[in-house]
C-alpha cells in the first residue's frame, strides 16, 4: 500500500494545479510532490526485504526488488528536476508565465511513469509506456518553437513505431505458446514465474522476443532507430530532457529487464546476437556523431546512445555481465541527470550551445563547472564511479565467455568515444575563459540535486552497502546473472 501511495502522490499533485492560477502554488506543489514521492519510495526500498513480493490493485501492480529500486531512482531524478524548475521559474519571468501548464504535464508524465514501473502485466506496462509518449510530446514543444514541434513529432512517430513493433512481438509470443503443455500465455508476471518454455513452436517465440527487443530498443535510442534521440534531447527544455533520458529511459529499461526475467531470452541465441549487434552498432553510431558534434547538448545526447549500446551488449553477453548492466543503468541515469541539468545552467548563463564558444567553465561557473567535469568523468567511465565498475564487469564477462571479437570491437569503439568526448569537453572545462568570471547565477536549488546525484554516483563505486549489493545482485540474477 505504501508504494500505492507513492504512485498516487503525483496524480493528486497534478489535480492541485488546476483552479486558481498561482506560480508559487504550482511550484510548491511540484517540489513537495517530488520530495514526498522520493522519500516514500526510498523508505519502502530501505525497509523492504530484498525477496519480498507483494501485489495490489487486483494484481495489476507489484512491489518487488526491481520495481522498488527503479521507482526510487526515477523519484530521485524527478526531485532534481523539480528543484531545477523551481529555480528557473524564480530567475526567469518568461518561464514563470508558463509554469502551471508545465508542472501539470510533468506530474502527469511522472504519474504514468511510476505506474509503468509498478505494473505487474506486460500489456499494461506497454500501454503505460505508450501513454508516457503521449504525455512527453507536449513537454518537448513546451517552448512552442518550430524546431521543437518538429522534434516532438519525430519523437512521437519513432516511439509509436517502436512500441507498435514490441506489441506485435507480444502477439507472436502468444502464438508461440498456444497449445503448449503450459497452456495459454498469461502476461501477468506472477503467473509467468517458473514457467517452462516448450520448444515445439520455438520460431514464433524467437521472432516475438526479437521484435520486443527491437521495439523497446527504439524507445531507448538504439541503432538503427535512433534518429529521434539527438534532436529531441537537444531541443527539449533541459528539465524535459532529463525526464526523457533518466525517467522514461529507465521505465523502458525495466520493461526490458522484465522480458529477460520472465521469458528467458538469454537462452535464445538469436536474441543474444541481436542485442550484441544493435549494441555495437549504437556505440559505432554514437562514436561517429561525437567526433563531429559542435553542440554540447547533442554531444551528451550521442553519448546517451553509447550508454544504451553498452547496456544492450551487456544483456546480450549475459551471465556475469548482468550485475554490471544493472549497476551501469543506475549510474547512467544519474550521470545524464547531472549533465543535462548542468547544461541547462550553462545555456541559461551564456545563451549558447556551441562547444567552441565556451572555455574554462571551471573558472567562469565554478560550481556548474565542477559538476560538468564530474559528469563527464562519470560518463567516460572513470574510476571510482559506478559506471566504471559496471563497464569493467561487462568487459570481463566478454573475456570469460570467449567473445574476443566483441571485446576487441567494444574496446576500439569506446576508446574512440573516450578520445572524442575528451577533445570536445576538456577545453570547455579547463580552457582559457572567454567569458567573465562570476558566481552570479549559481543557485542553491540547482546545485543541491547535482550534489546529491554525484554523491550517489560515488557511493555506487566507492562503497556499496551490503544490503544495496544484495538488491542489485537479486535483480541481476533475475535477468540471467550468474
Protein backbone atom coordinates (compact mmCIF):
# COMPACT_ATOMS: atom_id res chain seq x y z
CA UNK A 1 0.00 0.00 0.00
CA UNK A 2 2.92 2.35 0.62
CA UNK A 3 4.03 2.03 -2.99
CA UNK A 4 0.44 2.70 -3.98
CA UNK A 5 0.72 5.96 -2.04
CA UNK A 6 3.91 6.77 -3.95
CA UNK A 7 2.03 6.27 -7.20
CA UNK A 8 -0.93 8.35 -6.06
CA UNK A 9 1.06 11.37 -4.86
CA UNK A 10 1.95 12.82 -8.29
CA UNK A 11 -1.61 12.26 -9.52
CA UNK A 12 -3.15 14.18 -6.63
CA UNK A 13 -0.45 16.81 -7.01
CA UNK A 14 -1.48 17.26 -10.62
CA UNK A 15 -5.10 17.79 -9.54
CA UNK A 16 -3.97 20.52 -7.15
CA UNK A 17 -2.53 22.53 -10.06
CA UNK A 18 -6.00 23.06 -11.53
CA UNK A 19 -8.06 26.01 -10.47
CA UNK A 20 -6.61 29.31 -9.32
CA UNK A 21 -3.53 30.31 -11.29
CA UNK A 22 -0.58 30.82 -8.99
CA UNK A 23 3.04 30.34 -9.97
CA UNK A 24 4.19 29.94 -6.37
CA UNK A 25 1.44 27.43 -5.58
CA UNK A 26 2.27 25.33 -8.64
CA UNK A 27 5.97 25.35 -7.83
CA UNK A 28 5.38 24.43 -4.19
CA UNK A 29 3.13 21.55 -5.24
CA UNK A 30 5.72 20.41 -7.79
CA UNK A 31 8.62 20.36 -5.34
CA UNK A 32 6.51 19.00 -2.48
CA UNK A 33 5.17 16.10 -4.53
CA UNK A 34 8.63 15.27 -5.90
CA UNK A 35 10.29 15.21 -2.48
CA UNK A 36 7.41 13.28 -0.90
CA UNK A 37 7.48 10.67 -3.67
CA UNK A 38 11.21 10.20 -3.31
CA UNK A 39 11.10 9.93 0.49
CA UNK A 40 8.20 7.49 0.30
CA UNK A 41 9.90 5.26 -2.30
CA UNK A 42 13.26 5.41 -0.50
CA UNK A 43 11.68 4.32 2.79
CA UNK A 44 9.96 1.39 1.10
CA UNK A 45 13.22 0.41 -0.63
CA UNK A 46 15.25 0.64 2.58
CA UNK A 47 12.90 -1.32 4.83
CA UNK A 48 11.58 -4.00 2.47
CA UNK A 49 13.35 -7.38 2.36
CA UNK A 50 15.03 -7.97 -1.00
CA UNK A 51 12.94 -11.04 -1.77
CA UNK A 52 9.61 -9.53 -0.69
CA UNK A 53 6.97 -9.51 -3.44
CA UNK A 54 3.52 -8.03 -2.94
CA UNK A 55 0.77 -7.21 -5.41
CA UNK A 56 -2.00 -4.65 -5.17
CA UNK A 57 -4.87 -3.13 -7.19
CA UNK A 58 -6.20 -6.55 -8.23
CA UNK A 59 -2.67 -7.75 -9.06
CA UNK A 60 -2.20 -5.09 -11.72
CA UNK A 61 0.77 -3.64 -9.85
CA UNK A 62 3.65 -5.25 -8.00
CA UNK A 63 6.24 -4.33 -5.39
CA UNK A 64 9.41 -6.36 -5.88
CA UNK A 65 13.15 -5.66 -5.86
CA UNK A 66 13.19 -4.29 -9.41
CA UNK A 67 10.15 -2.04 -9.10
CA UNK A 68 11.26 -0.65 -5.74
CA UNK A 69 14.77 0.18 -6.99
CA UNK A 70 13.66 1.81 -10.22
CA UNK A 71 10.86 3.72 -8.50
CA UNK A 72 13.38 5.19 -6.06
CA UNK A 73 15.73 6.00 -8.94
CA UNK A 74 13.20 7.86 -11.08
CA UNK A 75 11.79 9.61 -7.99
CA UNK A 76 15.27 10.88 -7.11
CA UNK A 77 15.75 12.18 -10.65
CA UNK A 78 12.30 13.79 -10.65
CA UNK A 79 13.14 15.59 -7.41
CA UNK A 80 16.23 17.05 -9.04
CA UNK A 81 14.14 18.20 -11.99
CA UNK A 82 11.58 19.83 -9.68
CA UNK A 83 14.26 21.81 -7.86
CA UNK A 84 15.79 22.88 -11.16
CA UNK A 85 12.41 24.06 -12.49
CA UNK A 86 11.76 25.90 -9.22
CA UNK A 87 14.99 27.84 -9.64
CA UNK A 88 14.38 28.59 -13.33
CA UNK A 89 10.92 29.95 -12.58
CA UNK A 90 12.33 32.18 -9.84
CA UNK A 91 15.01 33.68 -12.11
CA UNK A 92 13.22 33.73 -15.48
CA UNK A 93 9.93 35.68 -15.69
CA UNK A 94 9.20 34.21 -19.14
CA UNK A 95 9.47 30.66 -17.80
CA UNK A 96 7.32 31.55 -14.79
CA UNK A 97 4.40 32.58 -17.01
CA UNK A 98 4.14 29.05 -18.43
CA UNK A 99 4.96 27.16 -15.28
CA UNK A 100 1.48 25.98 -14.29
CA UNK A 101 0.89 24.11 -17.53
CA UNK A 102 4.39 22.66 -17.43
CA UNK A 103 4.02 21.41 -13.86
CA UNK A 104 0.68 19.81 -14.66
CA UNK A 105 2.05 17.97 -17.70
CA UNK A 106 5.25 16.93 -15.88
CA UNK A 107 3.25 15.47 -12.99
CA UNK A 108 1.03 13.60 -15.45
CA UNK A 109 4.13 12.19 -17.15
CA UNK A 110 5.62 11.15 -13.82
CA UNK A 111 2.37 9.57 -12.64
CA UNK A 112 2.25 7.37 -15.73
CA UNK A 113 5.97 6.53 -15.47
CA UNK A 114 5.52 5.42 -11.86
CA UNK A 115 2.57 3.25 -12.86
CA UNK A 116 4.65 1.69 -15.66
CA UNK A 117 7.45 0.84 -13.23
CA UNK A 118 5.00 -0.76 -10.79
CA UNK A 119 2.92 -2.63 -13.37
CA UNK A 120 2.54 -6.40 -12.99
CA UNK A 121 1.28 -7.11 -16.51
CA UNK A 122 3.17 -6.84 -19.80
CA UNK A 123 0.29 -5.39 -21.80
CA UNK A 124 -0.47 -2.86 -19.07
CA UNK A 125 3.20 -1.90 -18.97
CA UNK A 126 3.17 -1.50 -22.75
CA UNK A 127 0.07 0.72 -22.59
CA UNK A 128 1.61 2.88 -19.89
CA UNK A 129 4.86 3.30 -21.84
CA UNK A 130 2.78 4.41 -24.81
CA UNK A 131 0.96 6.83 -22.52
CA UNK A 132 4.29 8.30 -21.38
CA UNK A 133 4.99 9.04 -25.04
CA UNK A 134 1.72 10.96 -25.33
CA UNK A 135 2.41 12.81 -22.08
CA UNK A 136 6.00 13.69 -23.03
CA UNK A 137 5.31 15.10 -26.50
CA UNK A 138 3.70 18.36 -25.25
CA UNK A 139 6.59 18.79 -22.80
CA UNK A 140 9.10 18.63 -25.65
CA UNK A 141 7.49 21.53 -27.52
CA UNK A 142 6.74 23.45 -24.33
CA UNK A 143 8.56 26.49 -25.74
CA UNK A 144 6.45 26.28 -28.94
CA UNK A 145 9.32 26.79 -31.39
CA UNK A 146 9.03 25.31 -34.89
CA UNK A 147 12.12 23.14 -34.37
CA UNK A 148 10.86 21.78 -31.03
CA UNK A 149 7.47 20.94 -32.58
CA UNK A 150 9.28 19.00 -35.32
CA UNK A 151 11.37 17.20 -32.69
CA UNK A 152 8.22 16.30 -30.73
CA UNK A 153 6.62 14.80 -33.83
CA UNK A 154 9.75 12.82 -34.66
CA UNK A 155 9.87 11.53 -31.08
CA UNK A 156 6.19 10.61 -31.18
CA UNK A 157 6.42 8.77 -34.51
CA UNK A 158 9.56 6.80 -33.68
CA UNK A 159 8.26 5.90 -30.21
CA UNK A 160 4.90 4.84 -31.61
CA UNK A 161 6.52 2.66 -34.25
CA UNK A 162 8.91 1.10 -31.74
CA UNK A 163 6.22 0.28 -29.21
CA UNK A 164 4.00 -0.98 -32.03
CA UNK A 165 6.73 -3.42 -33.04
CA UNK A 166 7.04 -4.53 -29.41
CA UNK A 167 3.29 -5.14 -29.25
CA UNK A 168 3.45 -7.34 -32.36
CA UNK A 169 6.21 -9.23 -30.57
CA UNK A 170 3.91 -9.93 -27.63
CA UNK A 171 1.26 -11.21 -30.07
CA UNK A 172 3.81 -13.60 -31.58
CA UNK A 173 4.79 -14.75 -28.10
CA UNK A 174 1.14 -15.62 -27.52
CA UNK A 175 1.03 -17.56 -30.79
CA UNK A 176 4.26 -19.30 -29.87
CA UNK A 177 2.84 -20.70 -26.62
CA UNK A 178 -0.68 -21.51 -27.83
CA UNK A 179 -1.41 -25.16 -27.38
CA UNK A 180 1.72 -25.96 -25.41
CA UNK A 181 1.60 -28.03 -22.25
CA UNK A 182 1.91 -24.83 -20.29
CA UNK A 183 -1.50 -23.70 -21.52
CA UNK A 184 -2.46 -20.24 -22.69
CA UNK A 185 0.08 -17.49 -22.18
CA UNK A 186 -0.63 -15.10 -19.33
CA UNK A 187 1.04 -11.71 -19.30
CA UNK A 188 0.79 -11.35 -15.52
CA UNK A 189 4.30 -11.53 -14.10
CA UNK A 190 3.39 -13.76 -11.16
CA UNK A 191 1.75 -16.30 -13.48
CA UNK A 192 4.91 -16.50 -15.60
CA UNK A 193 7.19 -17.38 -12.67
CA UNK A 194 8.71 -20.84 -13.09
CA UNK A 195 7.04 -21.48 -16.43
CA UNK A 196 8.91 -23.98 -18.61
CA UNK A 197 9.02 -22.86 -22.21
CA UNK A 198 8.40 -25.60 -24.74
CA UNK A 199 10.29 -25.88 -28.00
CA UNK A 200 7.52 -27.08 -30.34
CA UNK A 201 7.00 -23.66 -31.88
CA UNK A 202 10.31 -22.01 -30.99
CA UNK A 203 10.44 -19.86 -34.17
CA UNK A 204 7.34 -17.89 -33.09
CA UNK A 205 8.84 -17.35 -29.67
CA UNK A 206 12.18 -16.26 -31.11
CA UNK A 207 10.52 -13.86 -33.54
CA UNK A 208 8.33 -12.42 -30.80
CA UNK A 209 11.26 -11.84 -28.48
CA UNK A 210 13.33 -10.33 -31.31
CA UNK A 211 10.55 -7.84 -32.11
CA UNK A 212 10.09 -6.93 -28.44
CA UNK A 213 13.81 -6.25 -28.03
CA UNK A 214 13.89 -4.21 -31.24
CA UNK A 215 10.79 -2.23 -30.28
CA UNK A 216 11.99 -1.37 -26.81
CA UNK A 217 15.40 -0.65 -28.31
CA UNK A 218 13.81 2.05 -30.45
CA UNK A 219 12.45 3.68 -27.31
CA UNK A 220 15.95 3.55 -25.80
CA UNK A 221 17.53 5.17 -28.86
CA UNK A 222 19.39 2.08 -30.07
CA UNK A 223 20.52 1.76 -33.68
CA UNK A 224 19.11 1.72 -36.27
CA UNK A 225 16.05 3.58 -34.87
CA UNK A 226 17.97 6.27 -33.03
CA UNK A 227 17.40 9.33 -35.24
CA UNK A 228 14.78 10.86 -32.93
CA UNK A 229 17.02 11.00 -29.86
CA UNK A 230 19.71 13.66 -30.59
CA UNK A 231 17.24 16.22 -31.92
CA UNK A 232 14.70 15.60 -29.17
CA UNK A 233 17.22 15.76 -26.33
CA UNK A 234 18.75 18.90 -27.81
CA UNK A 235 15.59 20.89 -28.48
CA UNK A 236 13.57 19.91 -25.41
CA UNK A 237 13.99 22.09 -22.30
CA UNK A 238 16.77 20.70 -20.04
CA UNK A 239 14.30 19.52 -17.41
CA UNK A 240 12.31 17.63 -20.06
CA UNK A 241 15.48 16.11 -21.49
CA UNK A 242 16.23 14.69 -18.03
CA UNK A 243 12.69 13.30 -17.78
CA UNK A 244 13.18 11.51 -21.10
CA UNK A 245 16.78 10.41 -20.56
CA UNK A 246 16.64 9.35 -16.91
CA UNK A 247 12.96 8.69 -16.08
CA UNK A 248 11.32 7.32 -19.22
CA UNK A 249 14.54 5.60 -20.30
CA UNK A 250 14.65 3.64 -17.05
CA UNK A 251 10.98 2.72 -17.25
CA UNK A 252 11.77 1.13 -20.64
CA UNK A 253 14.94 -0.50 -19.26
CA UNK A 254 12.83 -2.09 -16.53
CA UNK A 255 10.37 -3.33 -19.17
CA UNK A 256 13.29 -4.95 -20.99
CA UNK A 257 14.52 -6.44 -17.72
CA UNK A 258 11.04 -7.90 -17.16
CA UNK A 259 11.22 -9.61 -20.56
CA UNK A 260 14.52 -11.20 -19.53
CA UNK A 261 13.17 -12.05 -16.11
CA UNK A 262 10.13 -13.99 -17.32
CA UNK A 263 10.78 -15.08 -20.92
CA UNK A 264 14.46 -16.04 -20.58
CA UNK A 265 15.58 -14.67 -23.96
CA UNK A 266 19.21 -15.07 -22.93
CA UNK A 267 18.69 -18.77 -23.66
CA UNK A 268 17.74 -17.89 -27.25
CA UNK A 269 20.84 -17.40 -29.38
CA UNK A 270 19.07 -15.11 -31.86
CA UNK A 271 18.20 -12.60 -29.13
CA UNK A 272 21.72 -12.58 -27.73
CA UNK A 273 23.16 -11.90 -31.17
CA UNK A 274 20.54 -9.23 -31.84
CA UNK A 275 21.40 -7.37 -28.66
CA UNK A 276 25.14 -7.56 -29.28
CA UNK A 277 24.80 -6.37 -32.89
CA UNK A 278 22.47 -3.44 -32.20
CA UNK A 279 24.52 -2.55 -29.12
CA UNK A 280 27.80 -2.39 -31.04
CA UNK A 281 26.06 -0.58 -33.91
CA UNK A 282 24.77 2.01 -31.45
CA UNK A 283 28.24 2.56 -29.99
CA UNK A 284 29.61 2.93 -33.54
CA UNK A 285 26.92 5.45 -34.48
CA UNK A 286 27.46 7.45 -31.30
CA UNK A 287 31.24 7.45 -31.82
CA UNK A 288 30.88 8.89 -35.32
CA UNK A 289 28.49 11.64 -34.22
CA UNK A 290 30.54 12.51 -31.13
CA UNK A 291 33.61 13.06 -33.31
CA UNK A 292 31.83 15.70 -35.42
CA UNK A 293 29.50 17.23 -32.78
CA UNK A 294 29.61 21.01 -32.32
CA UNK A 295 26.76 21.32 -29.80
CA UNK A 296 27.47 20.21 -26.22
CA UNK A 297 23.90 19.16 -25.51
CA UNK A 298 23.81 16.99 -28.62
CA UNK A 299 27.21 15.65 -27.65
CA UNK A 300 25.76 14.28 -24.44
CA UNK A 301 22.72 13.01 -26.35
CA UNK A 302 25.03 11.00 -28.62
CA UNK A 303 26.81 9.70 -25.51
CA UNK A 304 23.38 8.52 -24.30
CA UNK A 305 23.14 6.34 -27.41
CA UNK A 306 26.54 4.93 -26.48
CA UNK A 307 25.29 4.16 -22.97
CA UNK A 308 22.24 2.35 -24.34
CA UNK A 309 24.57 0.37 -26.59
CA UNK A 310 26.71 -0.73 -23.64
CA UNK A 311 23.59 -1.93 -21.81
CA UNK A 312 22.42 -3.85 -24.90
CA UNK A 313 25.81 -5.54 -25.34
CA UNK A 314 25.88 -6.46 -21.64
CA UNK A 315 22.40 -8.00 -21.83
CA UNK A 316 23.45 -9.93 -24.93
CA UNK A 317 26.58 -11.28 -23.24
CA UNK A 318 24.58 -12.20 -20.13
CA UNK A 319 25.73 -14.23 -17.12
CA UNK A 320 28.21 -12.24 -15.00
CA UNK A 321 27.62 -9.14 -17.17
CA UNK A 322 24.09 -8.83 -15.74
CA UNK A 323 25.26 -7.28 -12.47
CA UNK A 324 27.38 -4.80 -14.43
CA UNK A 325 24.38 -3.92 -16.59
CA UNK A 326 22.21 -3.12 -13.55
CA UNK A 327 24.97 -1.04 -11.96
CA UNK A 328 25.68 0.73 -15.25
CA UNK A 329 21.99 1.50 -15.88
CA UNK A 330 21.60 3.15 -12.46
CA UNK A 331 24.81 5.14 -12.86
CA UNK A 332 23.79 6.14 -16.38
CA UNK A 333 20.56 7.71 -15.14
CA UNK A 334 22.37 9.80 -12.53
CA UNK A 335 25.10 10.86 -14.98
CA UNK A 336 22.56 12.10 -17.52
CA UNK A 337 20.62 13.95 -14.82
CA UNK A 338 23.78 15.76 -13.69
CA UNK A 339 24.94 16.64 -17.19
CA UNK A 340 21.66 17.78 -18.72
CA UNK A 341 20.70 19.89 -15.70
CA UNK A 342 24.17 21.45 -15.74
CA UNK A 343 23.81 22.08 -19.48
CA UNK A 344 20.63 23.98 -18.65
CA UNK A 345 22.53 26.19 -16.22
CA UNK A 346 25.26 26.84 -18.79
CA UNK A 347 22.77 27.64 -21.54
CA UNK A 348 20.82 29.98 -19.24
CA UNK A 349 24.03 31.83 -18.41
CA UNK A 350 25.72 32.12 -21.83
CA UNK A 351 22.80 31.60 -24.26
CA UNK A 352 24.76 29.26 -26.50
CA UNK A 353 25.04 25.51 -27.01
CA UNK A 354 28.14 25.62 -29.19
CA UNK A 355 31.24 23.98 -27.76
CA UNK A 356 33.66 26.39 -29.44
CA UNK A 357 32.05 29.39 -27.71
CA UNK A 358 32.66 28.10 -24.19
CA UNK A 359 36.03 27.81 -22.45
CA UNK A 360 37.15 27.48 -18.84
CA UNK A 361 33.82 26.71 -17.16
CA UNK A 362 35.69 25.65 -14.04
CA UNK A 363 36.65 29.32 -13.63
CA UNK A 364 33.65 31.18 -15.05
CA UNK A 365 30.98 28.98 -13.40
CA UNK A 366 32.93 27.18 -10.65
CA UNK A 367 30.12 25.07 -9.21
CA UNK A 368 28.47 24.15 -12.50
CA UNK A 369 31.93 23.63 -13.97
CA UNK A 370 32.79 21.11 -11.26
CA UNK A 371 29.52 19.24 -11.79
CA UNK A 372 30.01 19.27 -15.56
CA UNK A 373 33.54 17.92 -15.10
CA UNK A 374 32.34 15.23 -12.68
CA UNK A 375 29.53 14.22 -15.02
CA UNK A 376 31.92 13.96 -17.96
CA UNK A 377 34.33 11.83 -15.92
CA UNK A 378 31.49 9.50 -14.91
CA UNK A 379 30.17 9.45 -18.48
CA UNK A 380 33.61 8.43 -19.78
CA UNK A 381 33.83 5.64 -17.24
CA UNK A 382 36.49 6.98 -14.92
CA UNK A 383 37.04 5.31 -11.55
CA UNK A 384 35.69 5.46 -8.89
CA UNK A 385 32.23 5.95 -10.40
CA UNK A 386 29.72 3.12 -10.67
CA UNK A 387 29.75 3.41 -14.47
CA UNK A 388 33.43 2.38 -14.45
CA UNK A 389 32.81 -0.81 -12.47
CA UNK A 390 29.68 -1.64 -14.47
CA UNK A 391 31.56 -1.36 -17.76
CA UNK A 392 34.51 -3.38 -16.42
CA UNK A 393 32.14 -6.18 -15.38
CA UNK A 394 30.61 -6.26 -18.86
CA UNK A 395 34.07 -6.43 -20.45
CA UNK A 396 35.23 -9.15 -18.05
CA UNK A 397 32.17 -11.20 -18.97
CA UNK A 398 33.12 -10.89 -22.64
CA UNK A 399 36.51 -12.42 -21.89
CA UNK A 400 35.05 -15.12 -19.62
CA UNK A 401 32.61 -16.07 -22.37
CA UNK A 402 35.38 -16.02 -25.00
CA UNK A 403 33.68 -13.27 -27.01
CA UNK A 404 37.04 -11.96 -28.12
CA UNK A 405 35.86 -10.32 -31.35
CA UNK A 406 33.11 -8.47 -29.47
CA UNK A 407 35.61 -7.46 -26.78
CA UNK A 408 38.07 -6.08 -29.35
CA UNK A 409 35.45 -4.08 -31.23
CA UNK A 410 33.90 -2.84 -27.99
CA UNK A 411 37.26 -1.61 -26.69
CA UNK A 412 38.10 0.06 -30.01
CA UNK A 413 34.79 1.93 -30.23
CA UNK A 414 34.74 3.01 -26.58
CA UNK A 415 38.29 4.32 -27.00
CA UNK A 416 37.14 6.46 -29.93
CA UNK A 417 34.25 7.77 -27.81
CA UNK A 418 36.61 8.47 -24.91
CA UNK A 419 39.08 10.45 -27.04
CA UNK A 420 36.39 12.37 -28.95
CA UNK A 421 34.48 13.32 -25.79
CA UNK A 422 37.66 14.43 -24.07
CA UNK A 423 38.77 16.50 -27.06
CA UNK A 424 35.41 18.30 -27.12
CA UNK A 425 34.74 18.80 -23.41
CA UNK A 426 38.12 19.25 -21.73
CA UNK A 427 38.71 22.72 -23.28
CA UNK A 428 35.18 23.66 -22.15
CA UNK A 429 36.17 22.78 -18.61
CA UNK A 430 39.81 23.87 -18.33
CA UNK A 431 40.45 26.15 -21.32
CA UNK A 432 41.24 29.84 -21.09
CA UNK A 433 37.98 31.61 -20.18
CA UNK A 434 36.37 33.67 -22.92
CA UNK A 435 33.62 34.98 -20.58
CA UNK A 436 33.65 36.97 -17.37
CA UNK A 437 34.34 35.18 -14.10
CA UNK A 438 31.42 35.47 -11.68
CA UNK A 439 29.50 33.38 -9.18
CA UNK A 440 26.24 35.04 -10.25
CA UNK A 441 23.53 32.59 -11.27
CA UNK A 442 24.84 29.60 -9.28
CA UNK A 443 21.63 28.94 -7.35
CA UNK A 444 21.49 26.57 -4.41
CA UNK A 445 18.34 24.98 -5.89
CA UNK A 446 20.24 23.79 -8.96
CA UNK A 447 23.36 22.79 -7.02
CA UNK A 448 21.66 20.58 -4.41
CA UNK A 449 20.23 17.92 -6.74
CA UNK A 450 23.52 17.63 -8.63
CA UNK A 451 25.39 17.28 -5.35
CA UNK A 452 23.00 14.50 -4.35
CA UNK A 453 23.37 12.73 -7.71
CA UNK A 454 27.17 12.93 -7.58
CA UNK A 455 27.12 11.51 -4.06
CA UNK A 456 25.07 8.54 -5.24
CA UNK A 457 27.39 8.03 -8.20
CA UNK A 458 30.42 7.92 -5.94
CA UNK A 459 28.75 5.58 -3.47
CA UNK A 460 27.99 3.12 -6.27
CA UNK A 461 31.70 2.91 -6.96
CA UNK A 462 33.45 3.64 -3.67
CA UNK A 463 31.22 1.96 -1.09
CA UNK A 464 28.11 -0.06 -1.77
CA UNK A 465 26.39 -1.25 1.42
CA UNK A 466 25.79 -4.98 1.72
CA UNK A 467 22.02 -4.51 1.51
CA UNK A 468 22.34 -2.46 -1.69
CA UNK A 469 24.71 -5.02 -3.19
CA UNK A 470 22.25 -7.81 -2.38
CA UNK A 471 19.48 -5.82 -4.03
CA UNK A 472 21.48 -5.33 -7.24
CA UNK A 473 22.55 -8.98 -7.24
CA UNK A 474 18.94 -10.10 -6.86
CA UNK A 475 17.88 -8.04 -9.87
CA UNK A 476 20.89 -9.26 -11.86
CA UNK A 477 20.05 -12.88 -11.06
CA UNK A 478 16.52 -12.27 -12.28
CA UNK A 479 17.73 -11.18 -15.73
CA UNK A 480 20.10 -14.11 -16.17
CA UNK A 481 23.06 -13.19 -13.98
CA UNK A 482 25.24 -15.92 -12.51
